[in-house]
Amino acid sequence: MSFAEAVVATINRAPQYWRTANTTPSLQDLRGRIQLFRRFTGPDLYAYGINVTRWEDNPVEPFTIRTFRGVQLTIQDHYNPTSPVSLPSLITMKTDNVIALLDRASADQDATHWYINFTSVYEINYPYLVTPREAAIGGWFAFAWLPGINAKVYEYFKTHAEKKRYGIVVMDFPESPMPDLIAAVRFRV
């Protein structure tokens, strides 16, 4: 069975939990369901899920995908620097990337334009080895504790409560170090 066939079989076992249309859904369309973003190709998948096969891998800048059905997604997914950076620099770089797209999403009046913002990052370039957990919740560097990306994003949410929308924010370890981080990202009309 190919990957595409396995995905289709999984969806067909519980189709009530999935939305496989290739158009921008409303919140009502998604209540209790998962929207399929298809990053894979396969037989008979012309209209199965929103086609994001042009999703770039680890781009430095956010990118936008426009589908022929009018779906528009802007994605920030820079998860691994190309040259070695220390934990403090990695946390600052990724936090700046995340906040820039949060601000952009908030300023956009087009409710059909989706924003997907990943807070995930790691560093595997010698001499630095930073795990996703360490980057998310914080870690020790030069004998000092550094708060991670989650703490910085949490502060942004708390100090920008007037913002109307953030887009989709995908986080590593959102329960750490503060348990109310998820509550800070709340749906706004």
N, C-alpha and C. Protein backbone atom coordinates (compact mmCIF):
# COMPACT_ATOMS: atom_id res chain seq x y z
N MET A 1 0.85 -1.18 0.00
CA MET A 1 0.00 0.00 0.00
C MET A 1 0.90 1.24 0.00
N SER A 2 0.60 2.17 -0.87
CA SER A 2 1.38 3.41 -0.92
C SER A 2 0.99 4.32 0.25
N PHE A 3 1.80 5.34 0.48
CA PHE A 3 1.49 6.29 1.54
C PHE A 3 0.13 6.95 1.31
N ALA A 4 -0.11 7.38 0.07
CA ALA A 4 -1.39 8.02 -0.27
C ALA A 4 -2.56 7.09 0.00
N GLU A 5 -2.42 5.83 -0.38
CA GLU A 5 -3.49 4.86 -0.13
C GLU A 5 -3.71 4.64 1.36
N ALA A 6 -2.63 4.64 2.13
CA ALA A 6 -2.75 4.46 3.58
C ALA A 6 -3.48 5.64 4.22
N VAL A 7 -3.20 6.85 3.75
CA VAL A 7 -3.89 8.03 4.28
C VAL A 7 -5.38 7.96 3.94
N VAL A 8 -5.69 7.64 2.69
CA VAL A 8 -7.10 7.54 2.28
C VAL A 8 -7.82 6.46 3.08
N ALA A 9 -7.17 5.33 3.30
CA ALA A 9 -7.78 4.25 4.08
C ALA A 9 -8.04 4.68 5.52
N THR A 10 -7.10 5.41 6.09
CA THR A 10 -7.27 5.91 7.47
C THR A 10 -8.46 6.86 7.54
N ILE A 11 -8.55 7.78 6.60
CA ILE A 11 -9.67 8.73 6.58
C ILE A 11 -10.99 8.00 6.38
N ASN A 12 -11.01 7.02 5.50
CA ASN A 12 -12.25 6.29 5.21
C ASN A 12 -12.76 5.48 6.40
N ARG A 13 -11.88 5.16 7.36
CA ARG A 13 -12.33 4.44 8.56
C ARG A 13 -13.16 5.32 9.48
N ALA A 14 -12.96 6.64 9.42
CA ALA A 14 -13.72 7.56 10.28
C ALA A 14 -13.91 8.89 9.53
N PRO A 15 -14.63 8.88 8.44
CA PRO A 15 -14.75 10.09 7.60
C PRO A 15 -15.44 11.25 8.30
N GLN A 16 -16.23 11.00 9.32
CA GLN A 16 -16.91 12.08 10.03
C GLN A 16 -15.93 13.02 10.73
N TYR A 17 -14.69 12.59 10.94
CA TYR A 17 -13.69 13.41 11.62
C TYR A 17 -12.81 14.19 10.66
N TRP A 18 -13.03 14.03 9.38
CA TRP A 18 -12.15 14.64 8.39
C TRP A 18 -12.91 15.56 7.44
N ARG A 19 -12.24 16.62 7.01
CA ARG A 19 -12.72 17.46 5.93
C ARG A 19 -11.68 17.34 4.83
N THR A 20 -12.06 16.77 3.71
CA THR A 20 -11.12 16.52 2.61
C THR A 20 -11.39 17.41 1.40
N ALA A 21 -12.26 18.41 1.55
CA ALA A 21 -12.51 19.35 0.45
C ALA A 21 -11.24 20.17 0.20
N ASN A 22 -11.13 20.73 -1.00
CA ASN A 22 -9.93 21.50 -1.35
C ASN A 22 -10.20 23.00 -1.39
N THR A 23 -11.15 23.44 -0.58
CA THR A 23 -11.50 24.86 -0.50
C THR A 23 -11.29 25.35 0.93
N THR A 24 -11.26 26.66 1.10
CA THR A 24 -11.10 27.24 2.43
C THR A 24 -12.38 27.01 3.24
N PRO A 25 -12.27 26.33 4.38
CA PRO A 25 -13.46 26.07 5.19
C PRO A 25 -13.75 27.22 6.14
N SER A 26 -14.97 27.28 6.60
CA SER A 26 -15.32 28.19 7.69
C SER A 26 -15.08 27.43 8.99
N LEU A 27 -15.12 28.12 10.10
CA LEU A 27 -14.97 27.46 11.39
C LEU A 27 -16.09 26.43 11.58
N GLN A 28 -17.28 26.76 11.12
CA GLN A 28 -18.42 25.83 11.20
C GLN A 28 -18.11 24.53 10.44
N ASP A 29 -17.46 24.65 9.28
CA ASP A 29 -17.10 23.47 8.49
C ASP A 29 -16.14 22.55 9.23
N LEU A 30 -15.34 23.13 10.11
CA LEU A 30 -14.28 22.36 10.77
C LEU A 30 -14.61 21.88 12.18
N ARG A 31 -15.66 22.34 12.76
CA ARG A 31 -15.97 21.94 14.14
C ARG A 31 -15.90 20.43 14.30
N GLY A 32 -14.98 19.98 15.16
CA GLY A 32 -14.84 18.57 15.44
C GLY A 32 -14.20 17.76 14.32
N ARG A 33 -13.60 18.46 13.35
CA ARG A 33 -13.02 17.77 12.20
C ARG A 33 -11.59 18.24 11.94
N ILE A 34 -10.89 17.47 11.17
CA ILE A 34 -9.51 17.77 10.78
C ILE A 34 -9.51 18.11 9.29
N GLN A 35 -8.93 19.25 8.94
CA GLN A 35 -8.78 19.60 7.52
C GLN A 35 -7.52 18.94 7.00
N LEU A 36 -7.63 18.21 5.91
CA LEU A 36 -6.48 17.57 5.30
C LEU A 36 -5.72 18.57 4.44
N PHE A 37 -4.45 18.80 4.80
CA PHE A 37 -3.51 19.53 3.95
C PHE A 37 -2.64 18.45 3.32
N ARG A 38 -2.72 18.30 2.04
CA ARG A 38 -2.05 17.19 1.36
C ARG A 38 -0.69 17.63 0.84
N ARG A 39 0.37 17.06 1.45
CA ARG A 39 1.74 17.32 1.01
C ARG A 39 2.30 16.13 0.23
N PHE A 40 1.44 15.24 -0.18
CA PHE A 40 1.87 14.06 -0.91
C PHE A 40 1.02 13.94 -2.18
N THR A 41 1.54 13.21 -3.15
CA THR A 41 0.79 12.97 -4.37
C THR A 41 0.38 11.50 -4.41
N GLY A 42 -0.57 11.21 -5.23
CA GLY A 42 -1.02 9.84 -5.35
C GLY A 42 -2.16 9.74 -6.35
N PRO A 43 -2.59 8.53 -6.58
CA PRO A 43 -3.66 8.34 -7.57
C PRO A 43 -4.97 8.94 -7.10
N ASP A 44 -5.70 9.55 -8.03
CA ASP A 44 -7.04 10.06 -7.77
C ASP A 44 -7.10 11.07 -6.62
N LEU A 45 -6.05 11.88 -6.48
CA LEU A 45 -6.03 12.84 -5.38
C LEU A 45 -6.18 14.28 -5.88
N TYR A 46 -6.71 14.45 -7.07
CA TYR A 46 -6.83 15.78 -7.66
C TYR A 46 -7.55 16.75 -6.74
N ALA A 47 -8.61 16.33 -6.10
CA ALA A 47 -9.39 17.24 -5.26
C ALA A 47 -9.47 16.74 -3.82
N TYR A 48 -8.53 15.94 -3.40
CA TYR A 48 -8.58 15.34 -2.07
C TYR A 48 -7.73 16.17 -1.11
N GLY A 49 -8.37 16.97 -0.29
CA GLY A 49 -7.65 17.84 0.63
C GLY A 49 -7.08 19.06 -0.08
N ILE A 50 -6.58 19.98 0.71
CA ILE A 50 -5.96 21.19 0.15
C ILE A 50 -4.55 20.83 -0.27
N ASN A 51 -4.25 21.05 -1.54
CA ASN A 51 -2.97 20.66 -2.11
C ASN A 51 -1.87 21.64 -1.70
N VAL A 52 -0.98 21.18 -0.84
CA VAL A 52 0.16 22.00 -0.42
C VAL A 52 1.47 21.27 -0.76
N THR A 53 1.48 20.56 -1.88
CA THR A 53 2.68 19.82 -2.28
C THR A 53 3.85 20.76 -2.59
N ARG A 54 3.57 22.05 -2.75
CA ARG A 54 4.66 23.03 -2.98
C ARG A 54 5.24 23.57 -1.66
N TRP A 55 4.88 22.93 -0.55
CA TRP A 55 5.38 23.33 0.77
C TRP A 55 6.90 23.26 0.75
N GLU A 56 7.55 24.36 1.06
CA GLU A 56 9.01 24.42 1.06
C GLU A 56 9.57 23.81 2.34
N ASP A 57 10.78 23.25 2.25
CA ASP A 57 11.42 22.66 3.42
C ASP A 57 12.41 23.64 4.03
N ASN A 58 12.14 24.05 5.27
CA ASN A 58 13.04 24.88 6.05
C ASN A 58 13.38 26.22 5.40
N PRO A 59 12.41 26.96 4.85
CA PRO A 59 12.73 28.25 4.23
C PRO A 59 13.03 29.31 5.29
N VAL A 60 13.96 30.18 4.98
CA VAL A 60 14.33 31.24 5.92
C VAL A 60 13.19 32.24 6.09
N GLU A 61 12.48 32.52 5.01
CA GLU A 61 11.38 33.47 5.03
C GLU A 61 10.04 32.73 4.89
N PRO A 62 8.96 33.31 5.43
CA PRO A 62 7.64 32.71 5.20
C PRO A 62 7.34 32.65 3.70
N PHE A 63 6.54 31.69 3.29
CA PHE A 63 6.17 31.54 1.89
C PHE A 63 4.66 31.39 1.80
N THR A 64 4.13 31.70 0.62
CA THR A 64 2.69 31.64 0.41
C THR A 64 2.39 30.63 -0.69
N ILE A 65 1.40 29.78 -0.42
CA ILE A 65 0.89 28.83 -1.41
C ILE A 65 -0.51 29.29 -1.79
N ARG A 66 -0.73 29.40 -3.09
CA ARG A 66 -2.07 29.72 -3.61
C ARG A 66 -2.52 28.55 -4.46
N THR A 67 -3.70 28.03 -4.19
CA THR A 67 -4.20 26.92 -4.99
C THR A 67 -5.15 27.45 -6.05
N PHE A 68 -5.43 26.63 -7.04
CA PHE A 68 -6.33 27.06 -8.11
C PHE A 68 -7.76 27.21 -7.60
N ARG A 69 -8.06 26.71 -6.41
CA ARG A 69 -9.40 26.84 -5.82
C ARG A 69 -9.50 28.07 -4.94
N GLY A 70 -8.49 28.93 -4.94
CA GLY A 70 -8.55 30.17 -4.19
C GLY A 70 -8.07 30.09 -2.76
N VAL A 71 -7.53 28.95 -2.35
CA VAL A 71 -6.99 28.84 -1.00
C VAL A 71 -5.63 29.53 -0.98
N GLN A 72 -5.41 30.32 0.07
CA GLN A 72 -4.15 31.02 0.22
C GLN A 72 -3.61 30.77 1.62
N LEU A 73 -2.39 30.21 1.70
CA LEU A 73 -1.77 29.89 2.99
C LEU A 73 -0.40 30.53 3.04
N THR A 74 -0.11 31.24 4.12
CA THR A 74 1.24 31.75 4.33
C THR A 74 1.81 30.98 5.52
N ILE A 75 3.00 30.42 5.32
CA ILE A 75 3.57 29.47 6.28
C ILE A 75 4.96 29.93 6.70
N GLN A 76 5.19 29.89 8.00
CA GLN A 76 6.52 30.13 8.57
C GLN A 76 6.95 28.79 9.18
N ASP A 77 7.97 28.17 8.60
CA ASP A 77 8.41 26.83 9.02
C ASP A 77 9.93 26.71 8.96
N HIS A 78 10.63 27.74 9.42
CA HIS A 78 12.10 27.71 9.46
C HIS A 78 12.51 27.03 10.76
N TYR A 79 12.89 25.76 10.69
CA TYR A 79 13.10 24.97 11.89
C TYR A 79 14.55 24.61 12.19
N ASN A 80 15.47 24.87 11.25
CA ASN A 80 16.85 24.50 11.48
C ASN A 80 17.77 25.50 10.78
N PRO A 81 18.58 26.23 11.53
CA PRO A 81 19.47 27.21 10.89
C PRO A 81 20.50 26.50 10.00
N THR A 82 20.95 27.20 8.97
CA THR A 82 21.90 26.60 8.03
C THR A 82 23.33 26.67 8.53
N SER A 83 23.61 27.54 9.47
CA SER A 83 24.95 27.62 10.06
C SER A 83 24.80 27.58 11.58
N PRO A 84 25.87 27.17 12.28
CA PRO A 84 25.78 27.01 13.73
C PRO A 84 25.39 28.29 14.47
N VAL A 85 24.43 28.16 15.38
CA VAL A 85 24.04 29.28 16.24
C VAL A 85 23.86 28.74 17.66
N SER A 86 24.16 29.57 18.62
CA SER A 86 24.04 29.19 20.03
C SER A 86 22.57 29.17 20.45
N LEU A 87 22.30 28.60 21.62
CA LEU A 87 20.94 28.56 22.15
C LEU A 87 20.31 29.95 22.23
N PRO A 88 21.00 30.96 22.78
CA PRO A 88 20.38 32.29 22.83
C PRO A 88 20.03 32.83 21.44
N SER A 89 20.94 32.65 20.48
CA SER A 89 20.68 33.14 19.12
C SER A 89 19.56 32.37 18.45
N LEU A 90 19.50 31.06 18.70
CA LEU A 90 18.45 30.24 18.12
C LEU A 90 17.08 30.65 18.64
N ILE A 91 16.97 30.85 19.95
CA ILE A 91 15.71 31.26 20.56
C ILE A 91 15.28 32.63 20.02
N THR A 92 16.21 33.56 19.94
CA THR A 92 15.90 34.90 19.42
C THR A 92 15.47 34.84 17.96
N MET A 93 16.22 34.09 17.13
CA MET A 93 15.90 33.98 15.71
C MET A 93 14.50 33.42 15.51
N LYS A 94 14.20 32.31 16.17
CA LYS A 94 12.90 31.67 15.96
C LYS A 94 11.77 32.51 16.53
N THR A 95 11.97 33.10 17.70
CA THR A 95 10.94 33.96 18.28
C THR A 95 10.63 35.14 17.36
N ASP A 96 11.65 35.74 16.79
CA ASP A 96 11.45 36.85 15.84
C ASP A 96 10.65 36.38 14.62
N ASN A 97 10.96 35.18 14.11
CA ASN A 97 10.22 34.63 12.97
C ASN A 97 8.74 34.44 13.31
N VAL A 98 8.48 33.86 14.48
CA VAL A 98 7.10 33.58 14.91
C VAL A 98 6.33 34.88 15.09
N ILE A 99 6.91 35.83 15.81
CA ILE A 99 6.21 37.08 16.10
C ILE A 99 5.95 37.87 14.82
N ALA A 100 6.88 37.85 13.87
CA ALA A 100 6.66 38.57 12.61
C ALA A 100 5.43 38.03 11.89
N LEU A 101 5.24 36.70 11.88
CA LEU A 101 4.05 36.16 11.20
C LEU A 101 2.79 36.37 12.03
N LEU A 102 2.88 36.36 13.36
CA LEU A 102 1.72 36.68 14.19
C LEU A 102 1.23 38.09 13.89
N ASP A 103 2.17 39.03 13.79
CA ASP A 103 1.80 40.42 13.46
C ASP A 103 1.19 40.52 12.07
N ARG A 104 1.76 39.80 11.13
CA ARG A 104 1.25 39.83 9.75
C ARG A 104 -0.18 39.26 9.69
N ALA A 105 -0.42 38.16 10.39
CA ALA A 105 -1.76 37.55 10.41
C ALA A 105 -2.76 38.50 11.03
N SER A 106 -2.36 39.17 12.09
CA SER A 106 -3.27 40.08 12.79
C SER A 106 -3.63 41.29 11.92
N ALA A 107 -2.69 41.73 11.09
CA ALA A 107 -2.93 42.91 10.26
C ALA A 107 -3.74 42.60 9.00
N ASP A 108 -3.82 41.33 8.60
CA ASP A 108 -4.50 40.95 7.37
C ASP A 108 -6.01 40.89 7.61
N GLN A 109 -6.76 41.62 6.81
CA GLN A 109 -8.22 41.65 6.93
C GLN A 109 -8.91 40.54 6.15
N ASP A 110 -8.17 39.82 5.33
CA ASP A 110 -8.74 38.75 4.50
C ASP A 110 -8.90 37.49 5.34
N ALA A 111 -10.12 37.20 5.77
CA ALA A 111 -10.39 36.06 6.64
C ALA A 111 -10.17 34.72 5.94
N THR A 112 -10.09 34.71 4.61
CA THR A 112 -9.86 33.45 3.90
C THR A 112 -8.38 33.13 3.74
N HIS A 113 -7.52 34.07 4.09
CA HIS A 113 -6.06 33.86 4.02
C HIS A 113 -5.63 33.19 5.31
N TRP A 114 -5.12 31.98 5.20
CA TRP A 114 -4.67 31.22 6.38
C TRP A 114 -3.21 31.51 6.66
N TYR A 115 -2.87 31.52 7.94
CA TYR A 115 -1.48 31.66 8.38
C TYR A 115 -1.16 30.46 9.26
N ILE A 116 -0.06 29.80 8.96
CA ILE A 116 0.38 28.66 9.75
C ILE A 116 1.79 28.98 10.23
N ASN A 117 1.96 28.96 11.55
CA ASN A 117 3.17 29.45 12.18
C ASN A 117 3.73 28.38 13.10
N PHE A 118 4.90 27.86 12.80
CA PHE A 118 5.53 26.82 13.61
C PHE A 118 6.52 27.43 14.58
N THR A 119 6.40 27.09 15.87
CA THR A 119 7.37 27.55 16.87
C THR A 119 8.52 26.56 17.01
N SER A 120 8.44 25.42 16.36
CA SER A 120 9.43 24.35 16.47
C SER A 120 10.76 24.75 15.85
N VAL A 121 11.84 24.35 16.52
CA VAL A 121 13.18 24.60 16.01
C VAL A 121 14.15 23.64 16.71
N TYR A 122 15.24 23.35 16.05
CA TYR A 122 16.32 22.59 16.68
C TYR A 122 17.63 22.96 16.01
N GLU A 123 18.72 22.59 16.64
CA GLU A 123 20.06 22.93 16.14
C GLU A 123 20.92 21.68 16.21
N ILE A 124 21.41 21.24 15.06
CA ILE A 124 22.29 20.06 15.06
C ILE A 124 23.61 20.36 14.35
N ASN A 125 23.99 21.62 14.28
CA ASN A 125 25.25 22.01 13.66
C ASN A 125 26.32 22.10 14.73
N TYR A 126 27.43 21.38 14.55
CA TYR A 126 28.51 21.41 15.52
C TYR A 126 29.03 22.84 15.64
N PRO A 127 29.26 23.36 16.81
CA PRO A 127 29.36 22.71 18.12
C PRO A 127 28.05 22.73 18.93
N TYR A 128 26.97 23.21 18.35
CA TYR A 128 25.72 23.34 19.10
C TYR A 128 24.77 22.20 18.79
N LEU A 129 24.22 21.61 19.84
CA LEU A 129 23.21 20.57 19.73
C LEU A 129 22.07 20.97 20.64
N VAL A 130 21.02 21.53 20.06
CA VAL A 130 19.87 22.02 20.84
C VAL A 130 18.66 21.20 20.44
N THR A 131 18.04 20.55 21.42
CA THR A 131 16.85 19.74 21.15
C THR A 131 15.62 20.63 20.99
N PRO A 132 14.57 20.13 20.34
CA PRO A 132 13.33 20.91 20.26
C PRO A 132 12.78 21.26 21.64
N ARG A 133 12.89 20.36 22.59
CA ARG A 133 12.40 20.63 23.95
C ARG A 133 13.18 21.77 24.61
N GLU A 134 14.49 21.74 24.48
CA GLU A 134 15.33 22.79 25.08
C GLU A 134 15.02 24.15 24.45
N ALA A 135 14.84 24.19 23.14
CA ALA A 135 14.51 25.45 22.47
C ALA A 135 13.14 25.95 22.90
N ALA A 136 12.19 25.03 23.07
CA ALA A 136 10.82 25.42 23.42
C ALA A 136 10.69 25.89 24.86
N ILE A 137 11.25 25.14 25.81
CA ILE A 137 11.02 25.50 27.22
C ILE A 137 12.19 26.25 27.86
N GLY A 138 13.36 26.19 27.24
CA GLY A 138 14.51 26.89 27.78
C GLY A 138 15.62 25.92 28.15
N GLY A 139 16.78 26.49 28.44
CA GLY A 139 17.91 25.66 28.80
C GLY A 139 19.05 26.50 29.35
N TRP A 140 20.08 25.78 29.76
CA TRP A 140 21.26 26.44 30.34
C TRP A 140 22.23 26.78 29.23
N PHE A 141 22.80 28.00 29.32
CA PHE A 141 23.83 28.42 28.39
C PHE A 141 24.77 29.34 29.16
N ALA A 142 26.05 29.01 29.16
CA ALA A 142 27.07 29.79 29.87
C ALA A 142 26.66 30.03 31.33
N PHE A 143 26.23 28.97 32.00
CA PHE A 143 25.87 28.97 33.41
C PHE A 143 24.67 29.85 33.76
N ALA A 144 23.85 30.14 32.78
CA ALA A 144 22.64 30.93 33.02
C ALA A 144 21.45 30.24 32.36
N TRP A 145 20.29 30.29 33.03
CA TRP A 145 19.07 29.72 32.46
C TRP A 145 18.46 30.71 31.50
N LEU A 146 18.12 30.23 30.30
CA LEU A 146 17.49 31.07 29.29
C LEU A 146 16.06 30.58 29.07
N PRO A 147 15.08 31.46 29.18
CA PRO A 147 13.72 31.05 28.84
C PRO A 147 13.64 30.71 27.35
N GLY A 148 12.81 29.73 27.03
CA GLY A 148 12.70 29.28 25.65
C GLY A 148 11.68 30.06 24.84
N ILE A 149 11.43 29.56 23.65
CA ILE A 149 10.51 30.20 22.71
C ILE A 149 9.11 30.30 23.30
N ASN A 150 8.65 29.25 23.99
CA ASN A 150 7.30 29.27 24.55
C ASN A 150 7.09 30.44 25.51
N ALA A 151 8.07 30.70 26.36
CA ALA A 151 7.94 31.81 27.32
C ALA A 151 7.88 33.15 26.58
N LYS A 152 8.66 33.29 25.54
CA LYS A 152 8.67 34.55 24.79
C LYS A 152 7.38 34.74 23.99
N VAL A 153 6.88 33.66 23.40
CA VAL A 153 5.62 33.74 22.67
C VAL A 153 4.46 33.99 23.64
N TYR A 154 4.51 33.39 24.79
CA TYR A 154 3.50 33.62 25.83
C TYR A 154 3.45 35.10 26.21
N GLU A 155 4.60 35.71 26.40
CA GLU A 155 4.65 37.14 26.73
C GLU A 155 4.06 37.98 25.60
N TYR A 156 4.32 37.59 24.37
CA TYR A 156 3.73 38.29 23.23
C TYR A 156 2.21 38.23 23.31
N PHE A 157 1.66 37.03 23.51
CA PHE A 157 0.20 36.88 23.59
C PHE A 157 -0.38 37.73 24.72
N LYS A 158 0.28 37.76 25.85
CA LYS A 158 -0.22 38.51 27.00
C LYS A 158 -0.16 40.02 26.76
N THR A 159 0.84 40.48 26.05
CA THR A 159 0.99 41.93 25.83
C THR A 159 0.31 42.42 24.56
N HIS A 160 -0.24 41.51 23.77
CA HIS A 160 -0.93 41.89 22.54
C HIS A 160 -2.34 41.35 22.52
N ALA A 161 -3.03 41.48 23.62
CA ALA A 161 -4.38 40.94 23.75
C ALA A 161 -5.37 41.60 22.80
N GLU A 162 -5.03 42.77 22.27
CA GLU A 162 -5.94 43.46 21.35
C GLU A 162 -5.92 42.86 19.95
N LYS A 163 -4.95 42.01 19.66
CA LYS A 163 -4.87 41.40 18.33
C LYS A 163 -6.10 40.56 18.07
N LYS A 164 -6.58 40.57 16.85
CA LYS A 164 -7.82 39.88 16.51
C LYS A 164 -7.60 38.44 16.06
N ARG A 165 -6.47 38.16 15.43
CA ARG A 165 -6.23 36.78 15.01
C ARG A 165 -4.73 36.52 14.91
N TYR A 166 -4.37 35.27 15.11
CA TYR A 166 -2.97 34.85 15.05
C TYR A 166 -2.72 33.86 13.93
N GLY A 167 -3.76 33.19 13.44
CA GLY A 167 -3.58 32.09 12.51
C GLY A 167 -3.43 30.81 13.32
N ILE A 168 -2.92 29.79 12.68
CA ILE A 168 -2.68 28.50 13.33
C ILE A 168 -1.27 28.55 13.90
N VAL A 169 -1.13 28.30 15.19
CA VAL A 169 0.16 28.32 15.85
C VAL A 169 0.47 26.90 16.30
N VAL A 170 1.48 26.30 15.68
CA VAL A 170 1.88 24.92 15.98
C VAL A 170 3.06 24.97 16.93
N MET A 171 2.92 24.34 18.12
CA MET A 171 3.94 24.46 19.16
C MET A 171 4.47 23.11 19.61
N ASP A 172 5.72 23.11 20.02
CA ASP A 172 6.30 21.98 20.74
C ASP A 172 6.15 22.26 22.23
N PHE A 173 5.75 21.25 22.99
CA PHE A 173 5.67 21.30 24.45
C PHE A 173 4.91 22.53 24.96
N PRO A 174 3.69 22.77 24.47
CA PRO A 174 2.96 23.98 24.85
C PRO A 174 2.55 24.03 26.32
N GLU A 175 2.62 22.91 27.01
CA GLU A 175 2.27 22.89 28.43
C GLU A 175 3.44 23.35 29.30
N SER A 176 4.60 23.60 28.70
CA SER A 176 5.79 23.96 29.47
C SER A 176 6.37 25.26 28.95
N PRO A 177 6.89 26.09 29.75
CA PRO A 177 6.97 26.03 31.20
C PRO A 177 5.74 26.61 31.90
N MET A 178 4.82 27.20 31.16
CA MET A 178 3.62 27.76 31.78
C MET A 178 2.40 27.01 31.27
N PRO A 179 1.57 26.49 32.16
CA PRO A 179 0.44 25.67 31.73
C PRO A 179 -0.68 26.45 31.02
N ASP A 180 -0.69 27.77 31.12
CA ASP A 180 -1.77 28.54 30.48
C ASP A 180 -1.37 29.14 29.13
N LEU A 181 -0.30 28.64 28.53
CA LEU A 181 0.11 29.11 27.22
C LEU A 181 -0.98 28.86 26.18
N ILE A 182 -1.56 27.68 26.19
CA ILE A 182 -2.61 27.35 25.22
C ILE A 182 -3.81 28.30 25.41
N ALA A 183 -4.15 28.60 26.65
CA ALA A 183 -5.27 29.51 26.91
C ALA A 183 -4.96 30.92 26.40
N ALA A 184 -3.69 31.28 26.34
CA ALA A 184 -3.32 32.61 25.85
C ALA A 184 -3.58 32.75 24.36
N VAL A 185 -3.59 31.63 23.65
CA VAL A 185 -3.91 31.63 22.23
C VAL A 185 -5.36 31.23 22.13
N ARG A 186 -6.23 32.18 22.04
CA ARG A 186 -7.65 31.85 22.00
C ARG A 186 -8.26 32.38 20.72
N PHE A 187 -9.32 31.75 20.29
CA PHE A 187 -9.96 32.13 19.04
C PHE A 187 -10.54 33.53 19.16
N ARG A 188 -10.34 34.32 18.14
CA ARG A 188 -10.90 35.68 18.09
C ARG A 188 -11.63 35.85 16.79
N VAL A 189 -12.76 36.48 16.83
CA VAL A 189 -13.55 36.72 15.63
C VAL A 189 -13.05 37.98 14.95
